[in-house]
Amino acid sequence: MKELTDLHSLDSIENFIKQHQFSFIYISRPACTVCHAVLPQLRKVLDQFLKIKLGHINADEVEEVAGRFSVFTVPVLLLFIDGTEFLREARFVHFEQLEERLKRVYQLYQDV
């Protein structure tokens, strides 16, 4: 499964995004049952994309994340490429569609 980096502050989130060309941010809450179901599936999908780094934020711990990333529900999945938000999914994720979108974007940037 894709390695997961826990991020505990807005600064650590910003640094994570800046440090990696492909950074995937997963925002969840401990009491969210959907969040617990989505994370293993997400990690499995991301396994095929070696350059994508996965960071996790507990929205209960880092409350400012809601305002910074306009998060109104959890889970939220955000893909940043070179520091710019490129893809956003929230609450109910269609993994087949997400995987296809990731493949297209990843291939596009691999060819550059």
Protein backbone atom coordinates (compact mmCIF):
# COMPACT_ATOMS: atom_id res chain seq x y z
CA MET A 1 0.00 0.00 0.00
CA LYS A 2 1.05 3.56 -0.71
CA GLU A 3 3.09 5.10 2.10
CA LEU A 4 1.16 7.71 4.08
CA THR A 5 2.65 10.83 5.70
CA ASP A 6 0.65 12.32 8.56
CA LEU A 7 0.62 16.11 8.48
CA HIS A 8 -0.13 17.97 11.72
CA SER A 9 -0.18 21.67 10.80
CA LEU A 10 -0.88 24.02 7.90
CA ASP A 11 2.87 24.64 7.62
CA SER A 12 3.60 20.92 7.29
CA ILE A 13 0.87 20.64 4.63
CA GLU A 14 2.28 23.58 2.64
CA ASN A 15 5.82 22.17 2.89
CA PHE A 16 4.63 18.73 1.78
CA ILE A 17 2.94 20.24 -1.28
CA LYS A 18 6.04 22.30 -2.15
CA GLN A 19 8.47 19.39 -1.69
CA HIS A 20 6.81 17.02 -4.15
CA GLN A 21 5.90 17.53 -7.79
CA PHE A 22 2.89 15.24 -7.27
CA SER A 23 1.34 15.57 -3.81
CA PHE A 24 -1.95 13.97 -2.91
CA ILE A 25 -3.66 15.27 0.22
CA TYR A 26 -6.27 13.19 2.02
CA ILE A 27 -8.40 15.07 4.56
CA SER A 28 -10.53 13.06 6.96
CA ARG A 29 -11.99 12.90 10.47
CA PRO A 30 -11.63 9.98 12.90
CA ALA A 31 -15.41 9.60 13.37
CA CYS A 32 -16.09 9.46 9.61
CA THR A 33 -16.95 5.92 8.52
CA VAL A 34 -16.76 6.85 4.83
CA CYS A 35 -13.22 8.15 5.44
CA HIS A 36 -12.16 4.80 6.91
CA ALA A 37 -13.54 2.97 3.86
CA VAL A 38 -12.04 5.32 1.27
CA LEU A 39 -8.44 5.46 2.53
CA PRO A 40 -7.43 1.81 1.82
CA GLN A 41 -8.95 2.02 -1.66
CA LEU A 42 -7.13 5.29 -2.33
CA ARG A 43 -3.80 3.86 -1.17
CA LYS A 44 -4.29 0.87 -3.48
CA VAL A 45 -5.03 3.10 -6.51
CA LEU A 46 -2.06 5.37 -5.76
CA ASP A 47 0.32 2.37 -5.61
CA GLN A 48 0.60 2.45 -9.40
CA PHE A 49 1.79 6.08 -9.42
CA LEU A 50 5.29 6.02 -7.96
CA LYS A 51 5.88 9.78 -8.02
CA ILE A 52 2.65 10.69 -6.21
CA LYS A 53 3.25 11.25 -2.49
CA LEU A 54 0.31 10.83 -0.12
CA GLY A 55 -0.25 13.09 2.87
CA HIS A 56 -3.02 12.72 5.45
CA ILE A 57 -4.65 15.43 7.54
CA ASN A 58 -6.98 14.87 10.47
CA ALA A 59 -9.41 17.78 10.13
CA ASP A 60 -10.23 17.58 13.84
CA GLU A 61 -6.56 18.15 14.68
CA VAL A 62 -5.82 20.80 12.02
CA GLU A 63 -9.09 22.73 12.03
CA GLU A 64 -7.68 25.52 9.82
CA VAL A 65 -7.48 23.05 6.93
CA ALA A 66 -11.20 23.61 6.27
CA GLY A 67 -10.71 27.30 5.54
CA ARG A 68 -7.39 26.91 3.72
CA PHE A 69 -8.67 24.30 1.24
CA SER A 70 -12.42 25.13 1.25
CA VAL A 71 -13.37 21.82 2.82
CA PHE A 72 -17.06 21.46 3.66
CA THR A 73 -17.28 17.69 4.08
CA VAL A 74 -14.92 14.75 4.50
CA PRO A 75 -13.23 12.87 3.07
CA VAL A 76 -11.60 15.25 0.61
CA LEU A 77 -8.96 14.13 -1.87
CA LEU A 78 -6.75 16.80 -3.44
CA LEU A 79 -4.04 16.30 -6.04
CA PHE A 80 -1.45 19.05 -6.37
CA ILE A 81 0.99 19.20 -9.27
CA ASP A 82 3.88 21.61 -8.86
CA GLY A 83 2.00 23.26 -5.98
CA THR A 84 -1.26 23.86 -7.87
CA GLU A 85 -4.49 22.05 -7.09
CA PHE A 86 -5.26 19.90 -10.10
CA LEU A 87 -7.95 17.47 -8.96
CA ARG A 88 -10.54 17.41 -6.16
CA GLU A 89 -12.89 14.68 -5.01
CA ALA A 90 -15.11 14.81 -1.94
CA ARG A 91 -17.31 12.51 0.13
CA PHE A 92 -18.26 9.71 -2.26
CA VAL A 93 -15.41 8.80 -4.59
CA HIS A 94 -15.83 6.86 -7.82
CA PHE A 95 -12.50 5.07 -7.87
CA GLU A 96 -12.61 3.90 -11.49
CA GLN A 97 -13.11 7.49 -12.68
CA LEU A 98 -10.48 8.78 -10.27
CA GLU A 99 -7.97 6.21 -11.49
CA GLU A 100 -8.59 7.12 -15.14
CA ARG A 101 -8.20 10.84 -14.42
CA LEU A 102 -4.98 10.18 -12.51
CA LYS A 103 -3.59 8.07 -15.36
CA ARG A 104 -4.26 10.84 -17.90
CA VAL A 105 -2.76 13.60 -15.75
CA TYR A 106 0.21 11.49 -14.65
CA GLN A 107 1.01 10.47 -18.23
CA LEU A 108 0.72 14.04 -19.44
CA TYR A 109 3.27 15.23 -16.88
CA GLN A 110 5.54 12.20 -17.38
CA ASP A 111 5.91 13.11 -21.05
CA VAL A 112 7.01 16.68 -20.29
